[in-house]
Amino acid sequence: MKKVFFVVAFLLVNIVTFSQSSEEAKKILDEVSNKMGSYNNMYIGFSQTLSNEEAGIKEGDEPPINGEINLAGDKYNLNYLGNTFIYDGKKLYVINTGEKEISITDGDLDGDDGFIYPSKLLTFYKEGYNFEMGKLVNMNGRKIQFVTLNPIDSNSDIVKVELGVDAKTKHIYKLIQTGSNGAKTIFTITKFKSNQPLSDSFFKFDRQKYLSQNYTID
């Protein structure tokens, strides 16, 4: 009987501890979303690196992929992987400068593949994840609090997301996605500016500009 009692007590303690950790983690994520979402606009410069221990690829083995994004509400202008993505709140324009081709679709990047695009940084956690507190780490003189997000969908291609938050500014600093194949995609924010002077046309697609440069528009 005593053994059963201790087992039940142990389980209850762990359930309560996990619940507290989950609530604390969600509180941090909400603080980040509210803080960064309060700006009129944001400029974020970032680098992306990959690692896969099973394949013998360590972070830093490959040169980073750099990108930048300007966000204002639902709108964004993203330069990433050699393409420019302009979302005006209704349509998404993907501009491939190498091929001089432009595709236009209704709606935003959908993320059906489980990948968290830079444009989703402030909202991706709100659906489909359980949360728990991670480690508090000193990175380049900054205290970074990690929050671990576990997908509810057991068939998700992403098995874990670790979000690093600057404990002082409540800004996102690092995001680590671990795939079902063990590969990790690491985003690190290298530059951040808020409330920049942007023209009204910054998030608009200028069709005539690209037609004059002989782009093909689907």
Foldseek 3Di string as FASTA:
>chain_A
DVVVVVVVVVVVVVVVQQVVQQVVLVVLLVLLLVLVLVFQKKKWKKWKFKAFVVVPRDTPPDDIWIWMKMDGVLWIWICGPQWTWFDPPFKIWIARPVQLAIEIDTDDPDCPLVDQDPSCVSPPQVPFWTKGWDDFDQDPNFTWTWMKIAGPDPPHQWGIKIWTAGPVSSHTAKIWTAGPNRMIMIMGTDDMDTDDDDDPCPRPDDPVVSVVVVGHYD
